[in-house]
């Protein structure tokens, strides 16, 4: 078995864990493939080091040490690849909705995954297309105004049906996984990750009648700047990892991605326990 190890860049607190991982792999004769960022935190040695963008093609499992942002970056790489390699995320950050496995749970979870006892969650991804460019997102595709730009007007169409023109600071198109991210902060609903749905949530809408809406994931969502919106500088981002300007006349098509991402789940808690832990449900 080959396991790829990805670390948040400059995460010095992971150095000791990386040394223990190297020993753990050696004892079990598991081939380790280290990302450049992981290798930079380890003493010089003869080891298999590769750019993280190439990892999905060379490993059977990707181990991510970091926060949700690091896992999102890896999920986007895996989603763009031809592979369906599972991801095991260990939380070295603060909140950790996606990297829900804690540091003490690292080696038991890794052992369960390598022995075939690990539980996998399949999470729907989004695919956004602008012209010839196509990008995937695990959490969300977000339209926002750029610095010092005025409020933006976006025409929203679902399938072949026009929905509305949203006048707001922006618009979030979230997957069920992303419903607990930016969508939640903007007042959108929490959607169970097993749901086959897409959430449309306006950001600080100008009118009180605009509300989040949940639609079937089988529908295509089309977003374009409203006519006469040329003065507003609009930007679309994918999981906060990459972004592009959207000009008048452009159209962004959002659909469910062709394949889901597979995340190794913590065996010690279920989804609702994670929500209670992270959101402090019932405590405030």
Protein backbone atom coordinates (compact mmCIF):
# COMPACT_ATOMS: atom_id res chain seq x y z
CA UNK A 1 0.00 0.00 0.00
CA UNK A 2 1.18 3.49 -0.81
CA UNK A 3 0.13 6.42 1.36
CA UNK A 4 0.68 10.02 0.37
CA UNK A 5 1.28 12.54 3.15
CA UNK A 6 0.29 16.19 2.70
CA UNK A 7 0.95 18.86 5.32
CA UNK A 8 -0.16 22.44 5.55
CA UNK A 9 2.86 24.51 4.41
CA UNK A 10 5.20 25.57 7.25
CA UNK A 11 3.22 23.61 9.86
CA UNK A 12 6.18 23.16 12.20
CA UNK A 13 3.94 21.59 14.85
CA UNK A 14 3.59 18.53 12.61
CA UNK A 15 7.32 17.70 12.55
CA UNK A 16 7.14 15.23 15.45
CA UNK A 17 4.07 13.56 13.97
CA UNK A 18 5.82 13.18 10.61
CA UNK A 19 8.77 11.44 12.31
CA UNK A 20 6.39 9.04 14.06
CA UNK A 21 4.58 8.40 10.78
CA UNK A 22 7.83 7.53 9.03
CA UNK A 23 8.59 4.96 11.74
CA UNK A 24 5.01 3.63 11.66
CA UNK A 25 5.13 3.16 7.90
CA UNK A 26 8.51 1.42 8.10
CA UNK A 27 7.33 -1.05 10.74
CA UNK A 28 4.41 -2.06 8.50
CA UNK A 29 6.33 -1.97 5.22
CA UNK A 30 3.99 0.67 3.84
CA UNK A 31 5.43 2.81 1.06
CA UNK A 32 5.18 6.50 1.97
CA UNK A 33 5.04 9.25 -0.64
CA UNK A 34 5.73 12.65 0.91
CA UNK A 35 4.58 16.00 -0.43
CA UNK A 36 7.24 18.67 -0.84
CA UNK A 37 5.80 20.57 2.15
CA UNK A 38 5.94 17.46 4.35
CA UNK A 39 9.50 16.62 3.35
CA UNK A 40 10.59 20.18 4.15
CA UNK A 41 9.66 19.61 7.81
CA UNK A 42 11.70 16.40 8.09
CA UNK A 43 15.44 15.75 8.40
CA UNK A 44 17.18 15.18 5.04
CA UNK A 45 16.95 11.54 3.96
CA UNK A 46 16.37 9.34 0.95
CA UNK A 47 12.59 9.29 0.64
CA UNK A 48 9.96 9.43 -2.11
CA UNK A 49 8.98 13.11 -2.48
CA UNK A 50 6.49 14.41 -5.01
CA UNK A 51 4.48 17.56 -5.70
CA UNK A 52 1.04 17.32 -4.08
CA UNK A 53 -0.65 17.91 -7.45
CA UNK A 54 0.71 14.56 -8.65
CA UNK A 55 -0.13 12.52 -5.55
CA UNK A 56 -3.54 11.10 -6.60
CA UNK A 57 -1.93 9.18 -9.47
CA UNK A 58 0.70 7.54 -7.24
CA UNK A 59 -0.98 6.54 -3.96
CA UNK A 60 -3.85 4.48 -2.53
CA UNK A 61 -4.67 6.89 0.30
CA UNK A 62 -3.89 10.55 0.99
CA UNK A 63 -3.23 11.55 4.60
CA UNK A 64 -3.74 15.27 5.21
CA UNK A 65 -2.31 17.01 8.29
CA UNK A 66 -3.69 20.51 8.64
CA UNK A 67 -7.00 22.32 8.68
CA UNK A 68 -10.05 22.34 6.43
CA UNK A 69 -8.32 24.63 3.94
CA UNK A 70 -5.54 22.10 3.38
CA UNK A 71 -8.05 19.29 2.94
CA UNK A 72 -10.07 21.39 0.47
CA UNK A 73 -6.95 21.99 -1.59
CA UNK A 74 -6.26 18.24 -1.70
CA UNK A 75 -9.92 17.42 -2.45
CA UNK A 76 -9.84 19.78 -5.42
CA UNK A 77 -6.68 18.07 -6.73
CA UNK A 78 -8.23 14.62 -6.32
CA UNK A 79 -11.50 15.83 -7.84
CA UNK A 80 -9.72 17.13 -10.94
CA UNK A 81 -7.78 13.88 -11.36
CA UNK A 82 -8.91 10.63 -12.91
CA UNK A 83 -8.52 8.82 -9.56
CA UNK A 84 -10.89 8.31 -6.64
CA UNK A 85 -8.26 7.95 -3.95
CA UNK A 86 -9.73 8.40 -0.42
CA UNK A 87 -8.57 11.19 1.90
CA UNK A 88 -7.93 10.91 5.63
CA UNK A 89 -7.86 14.38 7.21
CA UNK A 90 -6.32 14.99 10.65
CA UNK A 91 -7.08 18.30 12.32
CA UNK A 92 -4.06 20.48 13.06
CA UNK A 93 -6.17 23.63 12.79
CA UNK A 94 -8.95 25.14 14.86
CA UNK A 95 -12.50 24.26 13.77
CA UNK A 96 -12.01 21.14 11.66
CA UNK A 97 -15.41 20.29 10.12
CA UNK A 98 -13.73 18.30 7.34
CA UNK A 99 -10.56 17.31 9.16
CA UNK A 100 -12.65 15.84 11.96
CA UNK A 101 -10.12 13.22 13.06
CA UNK A 102 -8.15 14.49 16.05
CA UNK A 103 -4.42 14.05 16.57
CA UNK A 104 -4.84 11.30 19.22
CA UNK A 105 -7.04 9.44 16.71
CA UNK A 106 -4.47 9.62 13.90
CA UNK A 107 -2.79 6.23 14.25
CA UNK A 108 -5.92 4.22 15.20
CA UNK A 109 -7.73 5.75 12.20
CA UNK A 110 -4.77 5.12 9.92
CA UNK A 111 -4.54 1.52 11.10
CA UNK A 112 -8.26 1.00 10.49
CA UNK A 113 -7.94 2.47 6.99
CA UNK A 114 -4.95 0.31 6.04
CA UNK A 115 -6.65 -2.84 7.36
CA UNK A 116 -9.88 -2.17 5.48
CA UNK A 117 -11.88 -1.33 8.60
CA UNK A 118 -12.15 2.39 7.93
CA UNK A 119 -15.51 3.91 7.07
CA UNK A 120 -15.73 6.08 3.95
CA UNK A 121 -18.09 8.97 3.34
CA UNK A 122 -18.82 9.84 -0.28
CA UNK A 123 -19.28 13.60 -0.59
CA UNK A 124 -20.80 15.27 -3.61
CA UNK A 125 -18.62 17.85 -5.35
CA UNK A 126 -19.63 20.80 -7.50
CA UNK A 127 -18.34 21.52 -10.98
CA UNK A 128 -18.28 25.08 -12.32
CA UNK A 129 -17.61 25.92 -15.95
CA UNK A 130 -16.71 29.33 -17.38
CA UNK A 131 -16.15 29.12 -21.11
CA UNK A 132 -13.53 26.42 -21.63
CA UNK A 133 -12.41 26.44 -17.98
CA UNK A 134 -13.81 23.82 -15.62
CA UNK A 135 -13.12 23.58 -11.89
CA UNK A 136 -14.45 21.48 -9.01
CA UNK A 137 -15.26 22.41 -5.43
CA UNK A 138 -16.07 20.31 -2.39
CA UNK A 139 -17.57 23.15 -0.33
CA UNK A 140 -18.80 25.98 -2.49
CA UNK A 141 -18.60 28.18 -5.54
CA UNK A 142 -18.92 31.81 -4.45
CA UNK A 143 -19.65 34.99 -6.39
CA UNK A 144 -18.52 38.14 -4.60
CA UNK A 145 -17.83 41.74 -5.38
CA UNK A 146 -14.22 42.81 -5.51
CA UNK A 147 -12.70 45.47 -3.23
CA UNK A 148 -14.52 48.82 -3.32
CA UNK A 149 -17.02 47.45 -5.82
CA UNK A 150 -20.69 48.28 -5.51
CA UNK A 151 -23.43 45.73 -4.89
CA UNK A 152 -23.70 43.12 -7.64
CA UNK A 153 -26.72 41.95 -9.60
CA UNK A 154 -26.76 38.29 -10.66
CA UNK A 155 -29.33 36.51 -12.80
CA UNK A 156 -29.98 33.00 -11.46
CA UNK A 157 -31.43 30.22 -13.63
CA UNK A 158 -32.05 26.63 -12.51
CA UNK A 159 -32.47 24.17 -15.36
CA UNK A 160 -34.42 26.06 -17.99
CA UNK A 161 -36.34 28.14 -15.44
CA UNK A 162 -35.33 31.67 -14.49
CA UNK A 163 -35.34 32.01 -10.69
CA UNK A 164 -34.57 35.61 -9.81
CA UNK A 165 -32.13 38.48 -10.08
CA UNK A 166 -30.18 38.60 -6.83
CA UNK A 167 -28.98 42.03 -5.75
CA UNK A 168 -26.54 41.48 -2.92
CA UNK A 169 -22.90 41.40 -1.87
CA UNK A 170 -22.66 38.04 -3.60
CA UNK A 171 -24.04 34.53 -3.94
CA UNK A 172 -22.96 31.17 -2.49
CA UNK A 173 -23.61 27.92 -4.31
CA UNK A 174 -22.88 25.25 -1.72
CA UNK A 175 -22.79 21.48 -1.63
CA UNK A 176 -24.23 19.65 1.41
CA UNK A 177 -20.67 19.40 2.76
CA UNK A 178 -20.20 23.14 2.27
CA UNK A 179 -23.49 23.96 3.97
CA UNK A 180 -21.62 24.23 7.30
CA UNK A 181 -19.00 26.59 5.85
CA UNK A 182 -19.55 30.06 4.32
CA UNK A 183 -23.18 29.14 3.64
CA UNK A 184 -23.88 28.75 7.35
CA UNK A 185 -22.25 32.10 8.16
CA UNK A 186 -24.45 33.77 5.54
CA UNK A 187 -27.62 32.36 7.10
CA UNK A 188 -28.03 29.29 4.91
CA UNK A 189 -29.34 25.93 6.14
CA UNK A 190 -27.36 22.94 7.39
CA UNK A 191 -27.82 20.11 4.88
CA UNK A 192 -26.89 16.53 5.75
CA UNK A 193 -23.97 15.40 3.52
CA UNK A 194 -25.94 12.37 2.33
CA UNK A 195 -28.49 14.67 0.64
CA UNK A 196 -28.31 15.04 -3.14
CA UNK A 197 -28.86 18.78 -3.14
CA UNK A 198 -27.39 22.19 -3.92
CA UNK A 199 -27.92 25.29 -1.78
CA UNK A 200 -28.19 28.82 -3.19
CA UNK A 201 -27.60 31.48 -0.53
CA UNK A 202 -27.38 35.24 -1.21
CA UNK A 203 -24.77 37.18 0.78
CA UNK A 204 -26.28 40.24 2.53
CA UNK A 205 -29.12 40.64 -0.01
CA UNK A 206 -30.45 44.12 -0.63
CA UNK A 207 -34.07 43.00 -0.19
CA UNK A 208 -35.52 40.98 2.68
CA UNK A 209 -37.46 38.75 0.27
CA UNK A 210 -34.34 36.95 -0.95
CA UNK A 211 -33.88 33.72 1.00
CA UNK A 212 -31.65 30.64 0.66
CA UNK A 213 -33.12 27.87 -1.46
CA UNK A 214 -32.31 24.16 -1.68
CA UNK A 215 -32.61 22.56 -5.12
CA UNK A 216 -32.04 19.04 -6.50
CA UNK A 217 -28.43 18.34 -7.43
CA UNK A 218 -29.64 17.01 -10.78
CA UNK A 219 -30.39 20.56 -11.94
CA UNK A 220 -27.88 22.84 -13.62
CA UNK A 221 -27.48 26.30 -12.10
CA UNK A 222 -26.55 29.16 -14.43
CA UNK A 223 -25.27 32.46 -13.10
CA UNK A 224 -24.60 35.57 -15.16
CA UNK A 225 -24.17 39.26 -14.32
CA UNK A 226 -27.41 41.13 -14.92
CA UNK A 227 -27.58 43.48 -17.89
CA UNK A 228 -26.18 46.89 -17.01
CA UNK A 229 -24.00 45.44 -14.26
CA UNK A 230 -20.76 46.38 -16.02
CA UNK A 231 -19.65 48.74 -13.27
CA UNK A 232 -19.54 45.98 -10.66
CA UNK A 233 -16.40 43.87 -10.50
CA UNK A 234 -17.50 40.29 -9.82
CA UNK A 235 -15.23 37.44 -8.84
CA UNK A 236 -16.02 33.73 -8.64
CA UNK A 237 -14.00 31.47 -6.33
CA UNK A 238 -13.87 27.69 -6.00
CA UNK A 239 -13.45 26.51 -2.39
CA UNK A 240 -11.43 29.68 -1.79
CA UNK A 241 -8.56 27.98 -3.62
CA UNK A 242 -8.76 29.66 -7.02
CA UNK A 243 -10.79 32.44 -8.55
CA UNK A 244 -11.55 34.34 -11.74
CA UNK A 245 -13.24 37.59 -12.72
CA UNK A 246 -16.72 37.34 -14.22
CA UNK A 247 -17.55 39.97 -16.82
CA UNK A 248 -20.83 41.13 -18.31
CA UNK A 249 -21.90 38.54 -20.86
CA UNK A 250 -20.13 35.67 -19.09
CA UNK A 251 -22.10 32.73 -17.79
CA UNK A 252 -21.02 30.28 -15.10
CA UNK A 253 -22.65 26.85 -15.23
CA UNK A 254 -22.68 24.86 -11.99
CA UNK A 255 -23.56 21.17 -11.83
CA UNK A 256 -22.92 18.20 -9.61
CA UNK A 257 -19.44 16.88 -10.40
CA UNK A 258 -19.15 13.59 -12.25
CA UNK A 259 -17.61 11.81 -9.26
CA UNK A 260 -17.79 12.27 -5.47
CA UNK A 261 -14.83 12.63 -3.14
CA UNK A 262 -14.22 9.90 -0.56
CA UNK A 263 -13.34 10.92 2.99
CA UNK A 264 -12.24 8.52 5.72
CA UNK A 265 -14.62 9.08 8.62
CA UNK A 266 -13.79 9.04 12.30
CA UNK A 267 -15.14 5.82 13.76
CA UNK A 268 -15.62 7.34 17.21
CA UNK A 269 -18.40 9.81 16.33
CA UNK A 270 -21.21 10.35 13.84
CA UNK A 271 -22.15 13.44 11.82
CA UNK A 272 -24.49 14.86 14.45
CA UNK A 273 -21.88 14.44 17.15
CA UNK A 274 -19.49 16.46 14.97
CA UNK A 275 -22.11 19.18 14.60
CA UNK A 276 -22.73 19.29 18.35
CA UNK A 277 -19.00 19.45 19.01
CA UNK A 278 -18.16 22.12 16.41
CA UNK A 279 -21.29 24.28 16.66
CA UNK A 280 -21.80 23.81 20.40
CA UNK A 281 -25.43 22.84 19.88
CA UNK A 282 -27.40 22.96 23.09
CA UNK A 283 -24.63 24.83 24.92
CA UNK A 284 -25.42 28.43 24.05
